[in-house]
């Protein structure tokens, strides 16, 4: 009987911890920051490749979360979040609005539980293994 109570208590704590993390990761502000960071990282790569001076400012709007999947990477809680968002590019003479862009971000909560990181997978050409690059979400 005592073992059963301990088992139920343990399962309840696991459920409660997971539920709390899901509530945090479905925070649209956190997801919006992760999408912005992911786009900015991609824009930096493109700007460097094409030797452009800068890209127009970007505003992200209407973040919709459609799916959250829980997983563990390097023994830390990680969430794959998917959905759509709208964004606006602000050029000097006009604004360009793009609606319902799909996204997928990987968010990882750090050990102390105070910070989140954006994870970006990249396949290693030689070994076909996935490497994860981590960026602090501020």
N, C-alpha and C. Protein backbone atom coordinates (compact mmCIF):
# COMPACT_ATOMS: atom_id res chain seq x y z
N UNK A 1 0.81 -1.19 0.00
CA UNK A 1 0.00 0.00 0.00
C UNK A 1 0.86 1.26 0.00
N UNK A 2 1.92 1.28 0.82
CA UNK A 2 2.80 2.45 0.88
C UNK A 2 3.53 2.63 -0.45
N UNK A 3 3.91 1.52 -1.09
CA UNK A 3 4.57 1.61 -2.40
C UNK A 3 3.63 2.20 -3.44
N UNK A 4 2.37 1.83 -3.37
CA UNK A 4 1.39 2.36 -4.31
C UNK A 4 1.20 3.86 -4.11
N UNK A 5 1.15 4.31 -2.88
CA UNK A 5 1.01 5.74 -2.59
C UNK A 5 2.23 6.51 -3.09
N UNK A 6 3.44 5.94 -2.88
CA UNK A 6 4.66 6.59 -3.37
C UNK A 6 4.66 6.68 -4.89
N UNK A 7 4.22 5.60 -5.53
CA UNK A 7 4.16 5.58 -6.99
C UNK A 7 3.20 6.64 -7.50
N UNK A 8 2.03 6.71 -6.90
CA UNK A 8 1.03 7.71 -7.32
C UNK A 8 1.57 9.12 -7.08
N UNK A 9 2.21 9.34 -5.94
CA UNK A 9 2.79 10.66 -5.63
C UNK A 9 3.86 11.03 -6.65
N UNK A 10 4.70 10.09 -6.99
CA UNK A 10 5.76 10.35 -7.96
C UNK A 10 5.18 10.67 -9.33
N UNK A 11 4.20 9.90 -9.76
CA UNK A 11 3.56 10.15 -11.05
C UNK A 11 2.87 11.52 -11.06
N UNK A 12 2.24 11.88 -9.95
CA UNK A 12 1.59 13.18 -9.86
C UNK A 12 2.61 14.31 -9.97
N UNK A 13 3.76 14.18 -9.31
CA UNK A 13 4.80 15.21 -9.38
C UNK A 13 5.36 15.33 -10.79
N UNK A 14 5.54 14.20 -11.47
CA UNK A 14 6.02 14.23 -12.85
C UNK A 14 5.00 14.95 -13.73
N UNK A 15 3.73 14.60 -13.54
CA UNK A 15 2.67 15.25 -14.32
C UNK A 15 2.64 16.75 -14.05
N UNK A 16 2.74 17.14 -12.80
CA UNK A 16 2.68 18.54 -12.42
C UNK A 16 3.86 19.32 -13.01
N UNK A 17 5.05 18.75 -12.96
CA UNK A 17 6.23 19.39 -13.54
C UNK A 17 6.08 19.57 -15.04
N UNK A 18 5.63 18.53 -15.72
CA UNK A 18 5.43 18.61 -17.16
C UNK A 18 4.37 19.63 -17.50
N UNK A 19 3.28 19.64 -16.77
CA UNK A 19 2.20 20.60 -17.02
C UNK A 19 2.69 22.03 -16.84
N UNK A 20 3.48 22.28 -15.81
CA UNK A 20 4.01 23.63 -15.58
C UNK A 20 4.92 24.05 -16.73
N UNK A 21 5.77 23.15 -17.20
CA UNK A 21 6.65 23.46 -18.32
C UNK A 21 5.85 23.73 -19.58
N UNK A 22 4.78 22.97 -19.81
CA UNK A 22 3.95 23.20 -20.99
C UNK A 22 3.28 24.56 -20.93
N UNK A 23 2.86 24.97 -19.75
CA UNK A 23 2.26 26.30 -19.61
C UNK A 23 3.30 27.36 -19.94
N UNK A 24 4.53 27.19 -19.48
CA UNK A 24 5.57 28.16 -19.77
C UNK A 24 5.88 28.22 -21.26
N UNK A 25 5.99 27.05 -21.90
CA UNK A 25 6.38 27.02 -23.30
C UNK A 25 5.25 27.49 -24.22
N UNK A 26 4.01 27.43 -23.77
CA UNK A 26 2.92 27.94 -24.60
C UNK A 26 2.71 29.44 -24.38
N UNK A 27 3.59 30.06 -23.62
CA UNK A 27 3.59 31.51 -23.46
C UNK A 27 3.95 32.12 -24.82
N UNK A 28 3.02 32.82 -25.42
CA UNK A 28 3.23 33.34 -26.78
C UNK A 28 4.38 34.34 -26.85
N UNK A 29 4.63 35.04 -25.75
CA UNK A 29 5.74 36.00 -25.74
C UNK A 29 7.08 35.26 -25.91
N UNK A 30 7.24 34.16 -25.20
CA UNK A 30 8.46 33.34 -25.32
C UNK A 30 8.60 32.80 -26.74
N UNK A 31 7.51 32.26 -27.28
CA UNK A 31 7.55 31.69 -28.63
C UNK A 31 7.83 32.79 -29.66
N UNK A 32 7.22 33.96 -29.48
CA UNK A 32 7.46 35.08 -30.39
C UNK A 32 8.93 35.49 -30.38
N UNK A 33 9.53 35.55 -29.20
CA UNK A 33 10.95 35.88 -29.10
C UNK A 33 11.81 34.82 -29.78
N UNK A 34 11.44 33.56 -29.63
CA UNK A 34 12.20 32.47 -30.26
C UNK A 34 12.10 32.55 -31.78
N UNK A 35 10.90 32.83 -32.30
CA UNK A 35 10.73 32.96 -33.75
C UNK A 35 11.57 34.14 -34.26
N UNK A 36 11.51 35.27 -33.57
CA UNK A 36 12.28 36.46 -33.97
C UNK A 36 13.78 36.15 -33.98
N UNK A 37 14.25 35.45 -32.95
CA UNK A 37 15.66 35.09 -32.88
C UNK A 37 16.03 34.17 -34.04
N UNK A 38 15.19 33.18 -34.31
CA UNK A 38 15.46 32.24 -35.40
C UNK A 38 15.51 32.98 -36.75
N UNK A 39 14.58 33.89 -36.97
CA UNK A 39 14.57 34.66 -38.22
C UNK A 39 15.80 35.55 -38.31
N UNK A 40 16.15 36.22 -37.21
CA UNK A 40 17.32 37.09 -37.21
C UNK A 40 18.60 36.31 -37.50
N UNK A 41 18.73 35.12 -36.93
CA UNK A 41 19.90 34.29 -37.20
C UNK A 41 19.97 33.91 -38.68
N UNK A 42 18.83 33.57 -39.25
CA UNK A 42 18.78 33.23 -40.68
C UNK A 42 19.10 34.45 -41.54
N UNK A 43 18.55 35.61 -41.17
CA UNK A 43 18.82 36.85 -41.93
C UNK A 43 20.30 37.21 -41.89
N UNK A 44 20.94 37.00 -40.74
CA UNK A 44 22.37 37.30 -40.63
C UNK A 44 23.17 36.44 -41.59
N UNK A 45 22.81 35.15 -41.69
CA UNK A 45 23.51 34.25 -42.61
C UNK A 45 23.33 34.72 -44.05
N UNK A 46 22.10 35.07 -44.42
CA UNK A 46 21.82 35.51 -45.79
C UNK A 46 22.54 36.82 -46.08
N UNK A 47 22.51 37.75 -45.14
CA UNK A 47 23.18 39.03 -45.31
C UNK A 47 24.68 38.83 -45.54
N UNK A 48 25.28 37.93 -44.77
CA UNK A 48 26.70 37.65 -44.92
C UNK A 48 27.00 36.99 -46.26
N UNK A 49 26.15 36.03 -46.66
CA UNK A 49 26.38 35.31 -47.92
C UNK A 49 26.29 36.24 -49.13
N UNK A 50 25.33 37.15 -49.11
CA UNK A 50 25.13 38.04 -50.25
C UNK A 50 25.78 39.41 -50.05
N UNK A 51 26.49 39.56 -48.95
CA UNK A 51 27.21 40.79 -48.64
C UNK A 51 26.30 42.03 -48.69
N UNK A 52 25.10 41.85 -48.16
CA UNK A 52 24.18 42.98 -48.06
C UNK A 52 24.52 43.78 -46.82
N UNK A 53 24.15 45.05 -46.82
CA UNK A 53 24.45 45.89 -45.68
C UNK A 53 23.52 45.63 -44.50
N UNK A 54 22.22 45.54 -44.76
CA UNK A 54 21.29 45.30 -43.67
C UNK A 54 19.96 44.80 -44.23
N UNK A 55 19.14 44.34 -43.33
CA UNK A 55 17.80 43.90 -43.69
C UNK A 55 16.79 44.83 -43.01
N UNK A 56 15.60 44.95 -43.57
CA UNK A 56 14.62 45.85 -42.94
C UNK A 56 14.16 45.31 -41.59
N UNK A 57 13.74 46.21 -40.69
CA UNK A 57 13.23 45.76 -39.40
C UNK A 57 12.01 44.84 -39.58
N UNK A 58 11.89 43.91 -38.68
CA UNK A 58 10.86 42.88 -38.76
C UNK A 58 10.00 42.92 -37.50
N UNK A 59 8.68 42.88 -37.68
CA UNK A 59 7.74 42.79 -36.55
C UNK A 59 6.97 41.49 -36.69
N UNK A 60 6.90 40.72 -35.60
CA UNK A 60 6.14 39.48 -35.61
C UNK A 60 4.82 39.71 -34.91
N UNK A 61 3.74 39.22 -35.53
CA UNK A 61 2.39 39.40 -34.99
C UNK A 61 1.65 38.07 -35.03
N UNK A 62 0.56 38.01 -34.31
CA UNK A 62 -0.41 36.91 -34.37
C UNK A 62 0.24 35.52 -34.35
N UNK A 63 0.99 35.24 -33.30
CA UNK A 63 1.58 33.91 -33.14
C UNK A 63 0.48 32.94 -32.73
N UNK A 64 0.37 31.86 -33.48
CA UNK A 64 -0.59 30.81 -33.18
C UNK A 64 0.19 29.53 -32.90
N UNK A 65 -0.08 28.91 -31.76
CA UNK A 65 0.58 27.64 -31.40
C UNK A 65 -0.40 26.52 -31.70
N UNK A 66 0.01 25.59 -32.57
CA UNK A 66 -0.88 24.49 -32.94
C UNK A 66 -0.45 23.16 -32.34
N UNK A 67 0.85 23.03 -31.98
CA UNK A 67 1.33 21.75 -31.49
C UNK A 67 2.54 21.97 -30.59
N UNK A 68 2.56 21.28 -29.46
CA UNK A 68 3.71 21.30 -28.56
C UNK A 68 4.06 19.85 -28.24
N UNK A 69 5.31 19.49 -28.52
CA UNK A 69 5.77 18.12 -28.25
C UNK A 69 6.92 18.18 -27.25
N UNK A 70 6.81 17.41 -26.19
CA UNK A 70 7.82 17.38 -25.14
C UNK A 70 8.87 16.31 -25.46
N UNK A 71 10.15 16.66 -25.28
CA UNK A 71 11.24 15.71 -25.44
C UNK A 71 12.40 16.12 -24.56
N UNK A 72 13.42 15.31 -24.51
CA UNK A 72 14.62 15.63 -23.72
C UNK A 72 15.82 15.63 -24.63
N UNK A 73 16.63 16.68 -24.52
CA UNK A 73 17.90 16.75 -25.22
C UNK A 73 18.95 17.09 -24.18
N UNK A 74 19.96 16.26 -24.11
CA UNK A 74 21.03 16.42 -23.12
C UNK A 74 20.47 16.54 -21.70
N UNK A 75 19.49 15.70 -21.42
CA UNK A 75 18.85 15.62 -20.09
C UNK A 75 18.16 16.91 -19.64
N UNK A 76 17.78 17.76 -20.57
CA UNK A 76 17.04 18.97 -20.23
C UNK A 76 15.69 18.96 -20.94
N UNK A 77 14.65 19.47 -20.28
CA UNK A 77 13.34 19.50 -20.93
C UNK A 77 13.37 20.40 -22.16
N UNK A 78 12.91 19.85 -23.26
CA UNK A 78 12.92 20.54 -24.54
C UNK A 78 11.54 20.39 -25.17
N UNK A 79 11.11 21.40 -25.90
CA UNK A 79 9.79 21.37 -26.51
C UNK A 79 9.89 21.78 -27.97
N UNK A 80 9.30 20.97 -28.83
CA UNK A 80 9.16 21.36 -30.24
C UNK A 80 7.79 22.03 -30.35
N UNK A 81 7.80 23.29 -30.73
CA UNK A 81 6.57 24.08 -30.82
C UNK A 81 6.36 24.42 -32.29
N UNK A 82 5.12 24.18 -32.75
CA UNK A 82 4.79 24.47 -34.14
C UNK A 82 3.52 25.33 -34.21
N UNK A 83 3.41 26.05 -35.31
CA UNK A 83 2.23 26.88 -35.52
C UNK A 83 2.45 27.81 -36.69
N UNK A 84 1.85 29.00 -36.58
CA UNK A 84 2.01 30.00 -37.64
C UNK A 84 2.11 31.39 -37.02
N UNK A 85 2.58 32.34 -37.82
CA UNK A 85 2.71 33.72 -37.37
C UNK A 85 2.62 34.63 -38.58
N UNK A 86 2.32 35.88 -38.33
CA UNK A 86 2.36 36.91 -39.37
C UNK A 86 3.58 37.77 -39.09
N UNK A 87 4.14 38.37 -40.14
CA UNK A 87 5.21 39.32 -39.89
C UNK A 87 5.12 40.48 -40.87
N UNK A 88 5.69 41.60 -40.46
CA UNK A 88 5.71 42.81 -41.26
C UNK A 88 7.16 43.25 -41.43
N UNK A 89 7.56 43.50 -42.66
CA UNK A 89 8.86 44.09 -42.95
C UNK A 89 8.64 45.58 -43.14
N UNK A 90 9.43 46.38 -42.46
CA UNK A 90 9.25 47.84 -42.51
C UNK A 90 10.33 48.48 -43.38
N UNK A 91 9.96 48.74 -44.63
CA UNK A 91 10.84 49.46 -45.54
C UNK A 91 10.61 50.96 -45.35
N UNK A 92 11.56 51.81 -45.78
CA UNK A 92 11.37 53.26 -45.59
C UNK A 92 10.09 53.81 -46.22
N UNK A 93 9.71 53.32 -47.37
CA UNK A 93 8.55 53.88 -48.07
C UNK A 93 7.27 53.06 -47.92
N UNK A 94 7.37 51.83 -47.41
CA UNK A 94 6.18 50.97 -47.32
C UNK A 94 6.40 49.83 -46.34
N UNK A 95 5.31 49.17 -46.00
CA UNK A 95 5.36 47.97 -45.17
C UNK A 95 4.89 46.79 -46.00
N UNK A 96 5.56 45.66 -45.81
CA UNK A 96 5.15 44.44 -46.50
C UNK A 96 4.72 43.45 -45.43
N UNK A 97 3.49 42.95 -45.54
CA UNK A 97 2.94 42.03 -44.54
C UNK A 97 2.83 40.63 -45.14
N UNK A 98 3.34 39.67 -44.41
CA UNK A 98 3.23 38.26 -44.81
C UNK A 98 2.41 37.55 -43.74
N UNK A 99 1.38 36.85 -44.15
CA UNK A 99 0.47 36.23 -43.19
C UNK A 99 0.63 34.71 -43.18
N UNK A 100 0.35 34.15 -42.02
CA UNK A 100 0.28 32.71 -41.77
C UNK A 100 1.52 31.94 -42.26
N UNK A 101 2.66 32.36 -41.78
CA UNK A 101 3.90 31.66 -42.06
C UNK A 101 4.06 30.52 -41.06
N UNK A 102 4.34 29.31 -41.52
CA UNK A 102 4.53 28.21 -40.57
C UNK A 102 5.87 28.36 -39.85
N UNK A 103 5.92 27.87 -38.64
CA UNK A 103 7.18 27.85 -37.90
C UNK A 103 7.30 26.56 -37.11
N UNK A 104 8.53 26.27 -36.77
CA UNK A 104 8.85 25.17 -35.85
C UNK A 104 10.08 25.63 -35.08
N UNK A 105 9.95 25.71 -33.76
CA UNK A 105 11.08 26.09 -32.92
C UNK A 105 11.27 25.03 -31.84
N UNK A 106 12.51 24.86 -31.44
CA UNK A 106 12.84 23.97 -30.34
C UNK A 106 13.26 24.85 -29.17
N UNK A 107 12.53 24.75 -28.07
CA UNK A 107 12.80 25.56 -26.88
C UNK A 107 13.27 24.65 -25.76
N UNK A 108 14.35 25.05 -25.11
CA UNK A 108 14.90 24.23 -24.03
C UNK A 108 15.02 25.06 -22.77
N UNK A 109 14.42 24.54 -21.69
CA UNK A 109 14.52 25.21 -20.41
C UNK A 109 15.83 24.79 -19.74
N UNK A 110 16.56 25.75 -19.21
CA UNK A 110 17.85 25.45 -18.60
C UNK A 110 17.67 24.91 -17.18
N UNK A 111 18.74 24.31 -16.65
CA UNK A 111 18.67 23.59 -15.37
C UNK A 111 18.09 24.42 -14.24
N UNK A 112 18.51 25.68 -14.14
CA UNK A 112 18.02 26.51 -13.04
C UNK A 112 16.57 26.93 -13.23
N UNK A 113 16.03 26.73 -14.45
CA UNK A 113 14.63 27.02 -14.73
C UNK A 113 14.33 28.49 -14.97
N UNK A 114 15.35 29.34 -15.02
CA UNK A 114 15.13 30.77 -15.18
C UNK A 114 15.23 31.23 -16.63
N UNK A 115 15.96 30.50 -17.44
CA UNK A 115 16.17 30.94 -18.82
C UNK A 115 15.77 29.84 -19.81
N UNK A 116 15.49 30.30 -21.02
CA UNK A 116 15.14 29.42 -22.13
C UNK A 116 16.14 29.66 -23.25
N UNK A 117 16.38 28.59 -24.03
CA UNK A 117 17.27 28.68 -25.18
C UNK A 117 16.57 28.16 -26.42
N UNK A 118 16.88 28.79 -27.54
CA UNK A 118 16.43 28.31 -28.84
C UNK A 118 17.46 27.30 -29.33
N UNK A 119 17.00 26.12 -29.71
CA UNK A 119 17.90 25.12 -30.28
C UNK A 119 17.65 25.03 -31.78
N UNK A 120 18.75 24.96 -32.53
CA UNK A 120 18.64 24.83 -33.98
C UNK A 120 19.42 23.60 -34.42
N UNK A 121 18.72 22.66 -35.05
CA UNK A 121 19.41 21.45 -35.50
C UNK A 121 20.14 21.70 -36.82
N UNK A 122 21.26 21.01 -36.97
CA UNK A 122 21.98 21.08 -38.22
C UNK A 122 22.60 19.71 -38.47
N UNK A 123 22.34 19.17 -39.65
CA UNK A 123 22.88 17.86 -40.02
C UNK A 123 24.35 18.00 -40.39
N UNK A 124 25.16 17.10 -39.85
CA UNK A 124 26.57 17.03 -40.20
C UNK A 124 26.66 16.30 -41.53
N UNK A 125 27.24 16.93 -42.54
CA UNK A 125 27.29 16.36 -43.90
C UNK A 125 27.99 15.00 -43.94
N UNK A 126 29.08 14.86 -43.23
CA UNK A 126 29.86 13.62 -43.30
C UNK A 126 29.22 12.44 -42.59
N UNK A 127 28.71 12.68 -41.39
CA UNK A 127 28.19 11.57 -40.58
C UNK A 127 26.67 11.48 -40.58
N UNK A 128 25.99 12.50 -41.11
CA UNK A 128 24.53 12.58 -41.14
C UNK A 128 23.93 12.62 -39.73
N UNK A 129 24.75 12.98 -38.73
CA UNK A 129 24.26 13.14 -37.36
C UNK A 129 23.78 14.58 -37.17
N UNK A 130 22.84 14.75 -36.25
CA UNK A 130 22.32 16.08 -35.98
C UNK A 130 23.11 16.73 -34.86
N UNK A 131 23.56 17.96 -35.12
CA UNK A 131 24.20 18.79 -34.11
C UNK A 131 23.21 19.85 -33.71
N UNK A 132 23.17 20.18 -32.43
CA UNK A 132 22.25 21.21 -31.94
C UNK A 132 23.05 22.44 -31.54
N UNK A 133 22.62 23.59 -32.07
CA UNK A 133 23.22 24.87 -31.69
C UNK A 133 22.23 25.59 -30.79
N UNK A 134 22.75 26.22 -29.74
CA UNK A 134 21.90 26.78 -28.69
C UNK A 134 22.10 28.29 -28.60
N UNK A 135 20.99 29.02 -28.49
CA UNK A 135 21.01 30.49 -28.42
C UNK A 135 20.09 30.96 -27.29
N UNK A 136 20.59 31.82 -26.45
CA UNK A 136 19.81 32.36 -25.34
C UNK A 136 18.68 33.22 -25.86
N UNK A 137 17.47 33.00 -25.36
CA UNK A 137 16.33 33.83 -25.70
C UNK A 137 16.24 34.92 -24.65
N UNK A 138 16.36 36.17 -25.07
CA UNK A 138 16.35 37.29 -24.12
C UNK A 138 15.03 38.01 -24.15
